[in-house]
């Protein structure tokens, strides 16, 4: 009986505090909060507020600022917010949103990429506190709790090879599989280094090789092209068509190249590449 009474009293107390918390919100704030909940939209922007409430930019910013002060939403960076669920609204510090959703909403003309894309595709080998976003505009990296969101700037003509997909009930933009392969081989530092990158690529099953070849030519980086050809041919889980391998080799030229900045390793005659020992061992 004692525990039953305690639980009942706790429920009443919690319900009363929640009522007080929500009562402190204005009518517009409540409408925004519950409309986001109905849509299951956990991350939102000033533009979202304007569209839901049909208010001006200045009014939307004031509403967001007031809700932050009332601990019903959390500001990640100017203009980007996380809706705190009702169940934890009285203890905001205990709630952490999926940082991938935050990263996906954090910049325009951008897509999730590199190790983050590998993670979403189920190819990653480990948990990381780093998230990567490719964008055509300079963005300052942001920190959300223990997660760091890193922005990788690219030029407009290389801003391609991405798609929209559903992740946790929300639409996100992400590099497609073939673009992801190119990105992590081109910049393995954004996917945990060579050993981690190769281990992830060992989890690949199917690749659209024609698409991959088209992207290689569009990126137009002969060193990257040659590294891709070498790795595709060496990985036992892949069986690239010989025609694709020949085209990559022809496109990448025949001059001797280093695989990475260490400029050390074993010379591969077919690909005219000097391969570091850790790459050879990983493959």
C-alpha atoms as a PDB file:
ATOM      1  CA  UNK A   1       0.000   0.000   0.000  1.00  0.00           C
ATOM      2  CA  UNK A   2       2.856   2.338   0.867  1.00  0.00           C
ATOM      3  CA  UNK A   3       4.520   1.929  -2.559  1.00  0.00           C
ATOM      4  CA  UNK A   4       1.179   2.309  -4.318  1.00  0.00           C
ATOM      5  CA  UNK A   5       0.538   5.581  -2.515  1.00  0.00           C
ATOM      6  CA  UNK A   6       4.051   6.827  -3.271  1.00  0.00           C
ATOM      7  CA  UNK A   7       3.718   6.014  -6.938  1.00  0.00           C
ATOM      8  CA  UNK A   8       0.311   7.679  -7.078  1.00  0.00           C
ATOM      9  CA  UNK A   9       1.589  10.788  -5.300  1.00  0.00           C
ATOM     10  CA  UNK A  10       4.611  10.909  -7.604  1.00  0.00           C
ATOM     11  CA  UNK A  11       2.332  10.672 -10.645  1.00  0.00           C
ATOM     12  CA  UNK A  12       0.138  13.503  -9.335  1.00  0.00           C
ATOM     13  CA  UNK A  13       3.195  15.632  -8.536  1.00  0.00           C
ATOM     14  CA  UNK A  14       4.741  15.022 -11.959  1.00  0.00           C
ATOM     15  CA  UNK A  15       1.433  15.743 -13.679  1.00  0.00           C
ATOM     16  CA  UNK A  16       1.062  18.997 -11.726  1.00  0.00           C
ATOM     17  CA  UNK A  17       4.592  20.133 -12.557  1.00  0.00           C
ATOM     18  CA  UNK A  18       4.078  19.280 -16.236  1.00  0.00           C
ATOM     19  CA  UNK A  19       0.841  21.275 -16.221  1.00  0.00           C
ATOM     20  CA  UNK A  20       2.660  24.259 -14.713  1.00  0.00           C
ATOM     21  CA  UNK A  21       5.461  23.924 -17.265  1.00  0.00           C
ATOM     22  CA  UNK A  22       3.103  23.842 -20.254  1.00  0.00           C
ATOM     23  CA  UNK A  23       0.915  26.570 -18.768  1.00  0.00           C
ATOM     24  CA  UNK A  24       3.959  28.863 -18.813  1.00  0.00           C
ATOM     25  CA  UNK A  25       4.034  28.607 -22.605  1.00  0.00           C
ATOM     26  CA  UNK A  26       2.034  31.056 -24.686  1.00  0.00           C
ATOM     27  CA  UNK A  27      -0.705  29.857 -27.018  1.00  0.00           C
ATOM     28  CA  UNK A  28       1.609  30.073 -30.052  1.00  0.00           C
ATOM     29  CA  UNK A  29       4.383  28.247 -28.195  1.00  0.00           C
ATOM     30  CA  UNK A  30       2.013  25.432 -27.246  1.00  0.00           C
ATOM     31  CA  UNK A  31       0.691  25.210 -30.800  1.00  0.00           C
ATOM     32  CA  UNK A  32       4.243  24.926 -32.155  1.00  0.00           C
ATOM     33  CA  UNK A  33       5.319  22.420 -29.502  1.00  0.00           C
ATOM     34  CA  UNK A  34       2.399  20.056 -30.006  1.00  0.00           C
ATOM     35  CA  UNK A  35       2.324  20.458 -33.807  1.00  0.00           C
ATOM     36  CA  UNK A  36       5.980  19.364 -33.921  1.00  0.00           C
ATOM     37  CA  UNK A  37       5.024  16.433 -31.705  1.00  0.00           C
ATOM     38  CA  UNK A  38       2.178  15.421 -34.017  1.00  0.00           C
ATOM     39  CA  UNK A  39       4.588  15.456 -36.955  1.00  0.00           C
ATOM     40  CA  UNK A  40       7.227  13.582 -34.910  1.00  0.00           C
ATOM     41  CA  UNK A  41       9.630  16.364 -35.877  1.00  0.00           C
ATOM     42  CA  UNK A  42      12.308  16.473 -33.228  1.00  0.00           C
ATOM     43  CA  UNK A  43      14.694  18.946 -34.871  1.00  0.00           C
ATOM     44  CA  UNK A  44      13.445  22.216 -36.319  1.00  0.00           C
ATOM     45  CA  UNK A  45      14.536  25.596 -37.663  1.00  0.00           C
ATOM     46  CA  UNK A  46      13.271  29.169 -37.698  1.00  0.00           C
ATOM     47  CA  UNK A  47      11.817  28.452 -41.139  1.00  0.00           C
ATOM     48  CA  UNK A  48       9.805  25.567 -39.670  1.00  0.00           C
ATOM     49  CA  UNK A  49       8.380  27.888 -37.017  1.00  0.00           C
ATOM     50  CA  UNK A  50       7.384  30.432 -39.663  1.00  0.00           C
ATOM     51  CA  UNK A  51       5.640  27.770 -41.749  1.00  0.00           C
ATOM     52  CA  UNK A  52       3.767  26.180 -38.828  1.00  0.00           C
ATOM     53  CA  UNK A  53       2.646  29.378 -37.113  1.00  0.00           C
ATOM     54  CA  UNK A  54       2.515  31.710 -40.146  1.00  0.00           C
ATOM     55  CA  UNK A  55       4.572  34.368 -38.375  1.00  0.00           C
ATOM     56  CA  UNK A  56       7.423  36.668 -39.400  1.00  0.00           C
ATOM     57  CA  UNK A  57      11.097  35.770 -39.007  1.00  0.00           C
ATOM     58  CA  UNK A  58      11.504  38.176 -36.081  1.00  0.00           C
ATOM     59  CA  UNK A  59       8.436  36.758 -34.325  1.00  0.00           C
ATOM     60  CA  UNK A  60       9.645  33.190 -34.936  1.00  0.00           C
ATOM     61  CA  UNK A  61      13.015  34.016 -33.376  1.00  0.00           C
ATOM     62  CA  UNK A  62      11.332  35.518 -30.314  1.00  0.00           C
ATOM     63  CA  UNK A  63       9.134  32.445 -29.888  1.00  0.00           C
ATOM     64  CA  UNK A  64      12.153  30.135 -30.131  1.00  0.00           C
ATOM     65  CA  UNK A  65      14.118  32.262 -27.655  1.00  0.00           C
ATOM     66  CA  UNK A  66      11.273  32.201 -25.126  1.00  0.00           C
ATOM     67  CA  UNK A  67      10.881  28.413 -25.463  1.00  0.00           C
ATOM     68  CA  UNK A  68      14.599  27.929 -24.847  1.00  0.00           C
ATOM     69  CA  UNK A  69      14.300  29.959 -21.653  1.00  0.00           C
ATOM     70  CA  UNK A  70      11.348  27.784 -20.582  1.00  0.00           C
ATOM     71  CA  UNK A  71      13.368  24.589 -21.211  1.00  0.00           C
ATOM     72  CA  UNK A  72      10.881  23.176 -23.713  1.00  0.00           C
ATOM     73  CA  UNK A  73      13.409  23.286 -26.556  1.00  0.00           C
ATOM     74  CA  UNK A  74      17.192  23.304 -26.751  1.00  0.00           C
ATOM     75  CA  UNK A  75      19.218  25.578 -29.029  1.00  0.00           C
ATOM     76  CA  UNK A  76      21.954  23.688 -30.900  1.00  0.00           C
ATOM     77  CA  UNK A  77      23.167  26.743 -32.797  1.00  0.00           C
ATOM     78  CA  UNK A  78      21.489  29.984 -33.934  1.00  0.00           C
ATOM     79  CA  UNK A  79      18.370  29.006 -35.863  1.00  0.00           C
ATOM     80  CA  UNK A  80      18.519  25.269 -35.083  1.00  0.00           C
ATOM     81  CA  UNK A  81      16.593  23.689 -32.197  1.00  0.00           C
ATOM     82  CA  UNK A  82      15.708  20.352 -30.604  1.00  0.00           C
ATOM     83  CA  UNK A  83      12.202  19.739 -29.230  1.00  0.00           C
ATOM     84  CA  UNK A  84      12.411  18.239 -25.735  1.00  0.00           C
ATOM     85  CA  UNK A  85       9.840  15.393 -25.386  1.00  0.00           C
ATOM     86  CA  UNK A  86       7.102  15.705 -22.786  1.00  0.00           C
ATOM     87  CA  UNK A  87       8.502  12.711 -20.890  1.00  0.00           C
ATOM     88  CA  UNK A  88      11.754  14.514 -20.104  1.00  0.00           C
ATOM     89  CA  UNK A  89      10.667  18.141 -20.236  1.00  0.00           C
ATOM     90  CA  UNK A  90      11.257  18.522 -16.486  1.00  0.00           C
ATOM     91  CA  UNK A  91      14.852  17.301 -16.780  1.00  0.00           C
ATOM     92  CA  UNK A  92      16.251  18.643 -20.035  1.00  0.00           C
ATOM     93  CA  UNK A  93      19.836  17.634 -19.207  1.00  0.00           C
ATOM     94  CA  UNK A  94      18.934  13.944 -19.524  1.00  0.00           C
ATOM     95  CA  UNK A  95      17.764  14.226 -23.132  1.00  0.00           C
ATOM     96  CA  UNK A  96      20.049  13.904 -26.155  1.00  0.00           C
ATOM     97  CA  UNK A  97      18.590  13.866 -29.654  1.00  0.00           C
ATOM     98  CA  UNK A  98      19.993  11.750 -32.495  1.00  0.00           C
ATOM     99  CA  UNK A  99      22.810  13.977 -33.758  1.00  0.00           C
ATOM    100  CA  UNK A 100      22.376  12.671 -37.302  1.00  0.00           C
ATOM    101  CA  UNK A 101      18.960  14.378 -37.440  1.00  0.00           C
ATOM    102  CA  UNK A 102      20.531  17.573 -36.151  1.00  0.00           C
ATOM    103  CA  UNK A 103      23.356  17.422 -38.697  1.00  0.00           C
ATOM    104  CA  UNK A 104      20.880  16.796 -41.519  1.00  0.00           C
ATOM    105  CA  UNK A 105      18.969  19.960 -40.569  1.00  0.00           C
ATOM    106  CA  UNK A 106      21.968  22.099 -39.709  1.00  0.00           C
ATOM    107  CA  UNK A 107      22.861  23.480 -43.150  1.00  0.00           C
ATOM    108  CA  UNK A 108      21.307  24.157 -46.534  1.00  0.00           C
ATOM    109  CA  UNK A 109      22.845  22.751 -49.727  1.00  0.00           C
ATOM    110  CA  UNK A 110      24.455  19.930 -47.785  1.00  0.00           C
ATOM    111  CA  UNK A 111      24.391  16.158 -47.403  1.00  0.00           C
ATOM    112  CA  UNK A 112      25.608  13.645 -44.823  1.00  0.00           C
ATOM    113  CA  UNK A 113      28.784  11.972 -45.995  1.00  0.00           C
ATOM    114  CA  UNK A 114      31.968   9.993 -45.303  1.00  0.00           C
ATOM    115  CA  UNK A 115      31.877   7.904 -42.096  1.00  0.00           C
ATOM    116  CA  UNK A 116      28.396   9.143 -41.264  1.00  0.00           C
ATOM    117  CA  UNK A 117      27.121   7.768 -44.578  1.00  0.00           C
ATOM    118  CA  UNK A 118      28.940   4.477 -43.936  1.00  0.00           C
ATOM    119  CA  UNK A 119      27.199   4.306 -40.548  1.00  0.00           C
ATOM    120  CA  UNK A 120      23.735   4.913 -41.995  1.00  0.00           C
ATOM    121  CA  UNK A 121      24.351   2.283 -44.693  1.00  0.00           C
ATOM    122  CA  UNK A 122      25.333  -0.247 -42.020  1.00  0.00           C
ATOM    123  CA  UNK A 123      28.959  -0.502 -43.163  1.00  0.00           C
ATOM    124  CA  UNK A 124      30.702   1.194 -40.240  1.00  0.00           C
ATOM    125  CA  UNK A 125      32.779  -0.872 -37.851  1.00  0.00           C
ATOM    126  CA  UNK A 126      32.599   1.266 -34.717  1.00  0.00           C
ATOM    127  CA  UNK A 127      30.780   4.039 -32.877  1.00  0.00           C
ATOM    128  CA  UNK A 128      32.127   7.544 -33.377  1.00  0.00           C
ATOM    129  CA  UNK A 129      31.376  10.935 -31.891  1.00  0.00           C
ATOM    130  CA  UNK A 130      32.165  12.633 -35.218  1.00  0.00           C
ATOM    131  CA  UNK A 131      29.516  13.402 -37.844  1.00  0.00           C
ATOM    132  CA  UNK A 132      30.398  14.594 -41.348  1.00  0.00           C
ATOM    133  CA  UNK A 133      28.410  16.870 -43.631  1.00  0.00           C
ATOM    134  CA  UNK A 134      29.490  17.917 -47.133  1.00  0.00           C
ATOM    135  CA  UNK A 135      28.442  21.443 -48.070  1.00  0.00           C
ATOM    136  CA  UNK A 136      29.209  24.075 -50.699  1.00  0.00           C
ATOM    137  CA  UNK A 137      29.291  26.901 -48.157  1.00  0.00           C
ATOM    138  CA  UNK A 138      31.704  27.410 -45.292  1.00  0.00           C
ATOM    139  CA  UNK A 139      30.149  26.323 -42.001  1.00  0.00           C
ATOM    140  CA  UNK A 140      31.577  26.486 -38.519  1.00  0.00           C
ATOM    141  CA  UNK A 141      31.759  23.054 -36.867  1.00  0.00           C
ATOM    142  CA  UNK A 142      29.325  22.667 -33.983  1.00  0.00           C
ATOM    143  CA  UNK A 143      29.273  20.611 -30.804  1.00  0.00           C
ATOM    144  CA  UNK A 144      26.100  18.935 -29.581  1.00  0.00           C
ATOM    145  CA  UNK A 145      26.666  17.282 -26.203  1.00  0.00           C
ATOM    146  CA  UNK A 146      29.564  14.854 -26.873  1.00  0.00           C
ATOM    147  CA  UNK A 147      29.035  14.840 -30.661  1.00  0.00           C
ATOM    148  CA  UNK A 148      31.000  17.070 -33.036  1.00  0.00           C
ATOM    149  CA  UNK A 149      29.398  17.912 -36.392  1.00  0.00           C
ATOM    150  CA  UNK A 150      32.104  18.552 -38.995  1.00  0.00           C
ATOM    151  CA  UNK A 151      31.455  20.399 -42.261  1.00  0.00           C
ATOM    152  CA  UNK A 152      33.507  19.515 -45.324  1.00  0.00           C
ATOM    153  CA  UNK A 153      33.381  22.214 -47.974  1.00  0.00           C
ATOM    154  CA  UNK A 154      33.384  21.240 -51.630  1.00  0.00           C
ATOM    155  CA  UNK A 155      33.120  23.224 -54.853  1.00  0.00           C
ATOM    156  CA  UNK A 156      29.712  23.439 -56.599  1.00  0.00           C
ATOM    157  CA  UNK A 157      30.710  21.234 -59.553  1.00  0.00           C
ATOM    158  CA  UNK A 158      31.583  18.425 -57.126  1.00  0.00           C
ATOM    159  CA  UNK A 159      28.334  18.764 -55.202  1.00  0.00           C
ATOM    160  CA  UNK A 160      26.600  15.702 -56.626  1.00  0.00           C
ATOM    161  CA  UNK A 161      25.983  12.039 -55.907  1.00  0.00           C
ATOM    162  CA  UNK A 162      23.512  12.390 -53.044  1.00  0.00           C
ATOM    163  CA  UNK A 163      19.931  11.345 -52.450  1.00  0.00           C
ATOM    164  CA  UNK A 164      17.025  11.850 -50.079  1.00  0.00           C
ATOM    165  CA  UNK A 165      16.098   8.981 -47.793  1.00  0.00           C
ATOM    166  CA  UNK A 166      13.989   8.444 -44.680  1.00  0.00           C
ATOM    167  CA  UNK A 167      15.883   8.167 -41.425  1.00  0.00           C
ATOM    168  CA  UNK A 168      14.055   7.926 -38.096  1.00  0.00           C
ATOM    169  CA  UNK A 169      10.817   9.115 -39.762  1.00  0.00           C
ATOM    170  CA  UNK A 170      12.480  12.221 -41.226  1.00  0.00           C
ATOM    171  CA  UNK A 171      13.851  13.017 -44.694  1.00  0.00           C
ATOM    172  CA  UNK A 172      17.609  13.468 -44.840  1.00  0.00           C
ATOM    173  CA  UNK A 173      20.080  14.095 -47.669  1.00  0.00           C
ATOM    174  CA  UNK A 174      22.990  11.662 -47.821  1.00  0.00           C
ATOM    175  CA  UNK A 175      25.699  10.731 -50.299  1.00  0.00           C
ATOM    176  CA  UNK A 176      24.684   7.663 -52.274  1.00  0.00           C
ATOM    177  CA  UNK A 177      26.760   4.520 -51.920  1.00  0.00           C
ATOM    178  CA  UNK A 178      28.989   5.160 -54.937  1.00  0.00           C
ATOM    179  CA  UNK A 179      29.745   8.743 -53.925  1.00  0.00           C
ATOM    180  CA  UNK A 180      30.442   7.538 -50.385  1.00  0.00           C
ATOM    181  CA  UNK A 181      33.027   5.053 -51.681  1.00  0.00           C
ATOM    182  CA  UNK A 182      34.812   7.821 -53.566  1.00  0.00           C
ATOM    183  CA  UNK A 183      34.696  10.203 -50.597  1.00  0.00           C
ATOM    184  CA  UNK A 184      36.158   7.809 -48.026  1.00  0.00           C
ATOM    185  CA  UNK A 185      38.948   6.674 -50.355  1.00  0.00           C
ATOM    186  CA  UNK A 186      39.714  10.257 -51.322  1.00  0.00           C
ATOM    187  CA  UNK A 187      39.727  11.484 -47.701  1.00  0.00           C
ATOM    188  CA  UNK A 188      40.143   8.490 -45.349  1.00  0.00           C
ATOM    189  CA  UNK A 189      40.800  10.840 -42.414  1.00  0.00           C
ATOM    190  CA  UNK A 190      37.036  11.453 -42.383  1.00  0.00           C
ATOM    191  CA  UNK A 191      36.334   7.742 -42.043  1.00  0.00           C
ATOM    192  CA  UNK A 192      38.788   6.687 -39.359  1.00  0.00           C
ATOM    193  CA  UNK A 193      41.977   6.273 -41.437  1.00  0.00           C
ATOM    194  CA  UNK A 194      42.976   3.663 -44.029  1.00  0.00           C
ATOM    195  CA  UNK A 195      42.548   0.544 -41.923  1.00  0.00           C
ATOM    196  CA  UNK A 196      39.077   1.517 -40.699  1.00  0.00           C
ATOM    197  CA  UNK A 197      38.035   2.650 -44.184  1.00  0.00           C
ATOM    198  CA  UNK A 198      39.093  -0.629 -45.785  1.00  0.00           C
ATOM    199  CA  UNK A 199      37.398  -2.669 -43.054  1.00  0.00           C
ATOM    200  CA  UNK A 200      34.171  -0.794 -43.798  1.00  0.00           C
ATOM    201  CA  UNK A 201      34.534  -1.395 -47.537  1.00  0.00           C
ATOM    202  CA  UNK A 202      34.891  -5.107 -46.811  1.00  0.00           C
ATOM    203  CA  UNK A 203      31.246  -4.979 -45.712  1.00  0.00           C
ATOM    204  CA  UNK A 204      30.106  -3.866 -49.169  1.00  0.00           C
ATOM    205  CA  UNK A 205      27.806  -6.187 -51.046  1.00  0.00           C
ATOM    206  CA  UNK A 206      26.559  -4.618 -54.259  1.00  0.00           C
ATOM    207  CA  UNK A 207      27.868  -1.567 -56.105  1.00  0.00           C
ATOM    208  CA  UNK A 208      26.571   0.181 -59.192  1.00  0.00           C
ATOM    209  CA  UNK A 209      29.911   0.058 -61.020  1.00  0.00           C
ATOM    210  CA  UNK A 210      28.728   2.112 -63.989  1.00  0.00           C
ATOM    211  CA  UNK A 211      27.596   4.853 -61.622  1.00  0.00           C
ATOM    212  CA  UNK A 212      30.861   4.639 -59.726  1.00  0.00           C
ATOM    213  CA  UNK A 213      32.857   4.990 -62.950  1.00  0.00           C
ATOM    214  CA  UNK A 214      30.779   7.992 -64.028  1.00  0.00           C
ATOM    215  CA  UNK A 215      31.421   9.659 -60.658  1.00  0.00           C
ATOM    216  CA  UNK A 216      35.152   8.919 -60.864  1.00  0.00           C
ATOM    217  CA  UNK A 217      35.341  10.708 -64.199  1.00  0.00           C
ATOM    218  CA  UNK A 218      33.231  13.595 -62.936  1.00  0.00           C
ATOM    219  CA  UNK A 219      35.392  14.065 -59.830  1.00  0.00           C
ATOM    220  CA  UNK A 220      38.396  13.984 -62.186  1.00  0.00           C
ATOM    221  CA  UNK A 221      41.051  13.108 -59.626  1.00  0.00           C
ATOM    222  CA  UNK A 222      43.413  10.584 -61.197  1.00  0.00           C
ATOM    223  CA  UNK A 223      45.146   9.669 -57.922  1.00  0.00           C
ATOM    224  CA  UNK A 224      41.830   8.918 -56.252  1.00  0.00           C
ATOM    225  CA  UNK A 225      40.682   7.001 -59.327  1.00  0.00           C
ATOM    226  CA  UNK A 226      43.745   4.769 -59.225  1.00  0.00           C
ATOM    227  CA  UNK A 227      43.361   4.081 -55.494  1.00  0.00           C
ATOM    228  CA  UNK A 228      39.724   3.138 -56.048  1.00  0.00           C
ATOM    229  CA  UNK A 229      40.693   0.764 -58.859  1.00  0.00           C
ATOM    230  CA  UNK A 230      43.382  -0.873 -56.725  1.00  0.00           C
ATOM    231  CA  UNK A 231      41.060  -1.368 -53.728  1.00  0.00           C
ATOM    232  CA  UNK A 232      38.133  -2.637 -55.832  1.00  0.00           C
ATOM    233  CA  UNK A 233      40.352  -5.244 -57.454  1.00  0.00           C
ATOM    234  CA  UNK A 234      41.972  -6.393 -54.206  1.00  0.00           C
ATOM    235  CA  UNK A 235      38.920  -6.734 -51.947  1.00  0.00           C
ATOM    236  CA  UNK A 236      37.671 -10.337 -51.937  1.00  0.00           C
ATOM    237  CA  UNK A 237      34.060  -9.347 -51.210  1.00  0.00           C
ATOM    238  CA  UNK A 238      33.816  -7.464 -54.512  1.00  0.00           C
ATOM    239  CA  UNK A 239      33.831  -8.683 -58.082  1.00  0.00           C
ATOM    240  CA  UNK A 240      34.077  -5.625 -60.315  1.00  0.00           C
ATOM    241  CA  UNK A 241      33.724  -6.176 -64.087  1.00  0.00           C
ATOM    242  CA  UNK A 242      37.126  -6.215 -65.789  1.00  0.00           C
ATOM    243  CA  UNK A 243      35.843  -3.614 -68.251  1.00  0.00           C
ATOM    244  CA  UNK A 244      35.310  -1.195 -65.338  1.00  0.00           C
ATOM    245  CA  UNK A 245      38.782  -1.920 -63.954  1.00  0.00           C
ATOM    246  CA  UNK A 246      40.346  -1.293 -67.376  1.00  0.00           C
ATOM    247  CA  UNK A 247      38.503   1.983 -67.790  1.00  0.00           C
ATOM    248  CA  UNK A 248      39.561   3.183 -64.340  1.00  0.00           C
ATOM    249  CA  UNK A 249      43.170   2.238 -65.087  1.00  0.00           C
ATOM    250  CA  UNK A 250      43.137   3.979 -68.466  1.00  0.00           C
ATOM    251  CA  UNK A 251      41.547   7.084 -66.982  1.00  0.00           C
ATOM    252  CA  UNK A 252      44.016   7.303 -64.096  1.00  0.00           C
ATOM    253  CA  UNK A 253      47.161   7.389 -66.257  1.00  0.00           C
ATOM    254  CA  UNK A 254      50.439   5.511 -65.902  1.00  0.00           C
ATOM    255  CA  UNK A 255      52.807   7.771 -63.960  1.00  0.00           C
ATOM    256  CA  UNK A 256      54.023   6.549 -60.579  1.00  0.00           C
ATOM    257  CA  UNK A 257      51.966   7.813 -57.630  1.00  0.00           C
ATOM    258  CA  UNK A 258      52.051   7.553 -53.858  1.00  0.00           C
ATOM    259  CA  UNK A 259      48.981   6.063 -52.189  1.00  0.00           C
ATOM    260  CA  UNK A 260      49.106   8.632 -49.374  1.00  0.00           C
ATOM    261  CA  UNK A 261      51.236  11.346 -47.796  1.00  0.00           C
ATOM    262  CA  UNK A 262      53.526   8.897 -46.003  1.00  0.00           C
ATOM    263  CA  UNK A 263      55.251   8.285 -49.378  1.00  0.00           C
ATOM    264  CA  UNK A 264      56.393   4.878 -48.181  1.00  0.00           C
ATOM    265  CA  UNK A 265      55.435   1.334 -49.021  1.00  0.00           C
ATOM    266  CA  UNK A 266      55.554  -1.400 -51.663  1.00  0.00           C
ATOM    267  CA  UNK A 267      55.378  -0.633 -55.375  1.00  0.00           C
ATOM    268  CA  UNK A 268      52.462  -2.185 -57.286  1.00  0.00           C
ATOM    269  CA  UNK A 269      53.456  -2.554 -60.951  1.00  0.00           C
ATOM    270  CA  UNK A 270      49.944  -2.900 -62.355  1.00  0.00           C
ATOM    271  CA  UNK A 271      48.620   0.290 -60.764  1.00  0.00           C
ATOM    272  CA  UNK A 272      51.932   2.174 -60.567  1.00  0.00           C
ATOM    273  CA  UNK A 273      51.199   2.902 -56.925  1.00  0.00           C
ATOM    274  CA  UNK A 274      53.406   2.860 -53.853  1.00  0.00           C
ATOM    275  CA  UNK A 275      51.154   1.184 -51.265  1.00  0.00           C
ATOM    276  CA  UNK A 276      51.686   1.656 -47.495  1.00  0.00           C
ATOM    277  CA  UNK A 277      52.125  -1.564 -45.531  1.00  0.00           C
ATOM    278  CA  UNK A 278      49.087  -0.923 -43.326  1.00  0.00           C
ATOM    279  CA  UNK A 279      46.874  -0.727 -46.440  1.00  0.00           C
ATOM    280  CA  UNK A 280      48.276  -3.987 -47.833  1.00  0.00           C
ATOM    281  CA  UNK A 281      47.755  -5.739 -44.493  1.00  0.00           C
ATOM    282  CA  UNK A 282      44.210  -4.370 -44.116  1.00  0.00           C
ATOM    283  CA  UNK A 283      43.186  -5.572 -47.577  1.00  0.00           C
END
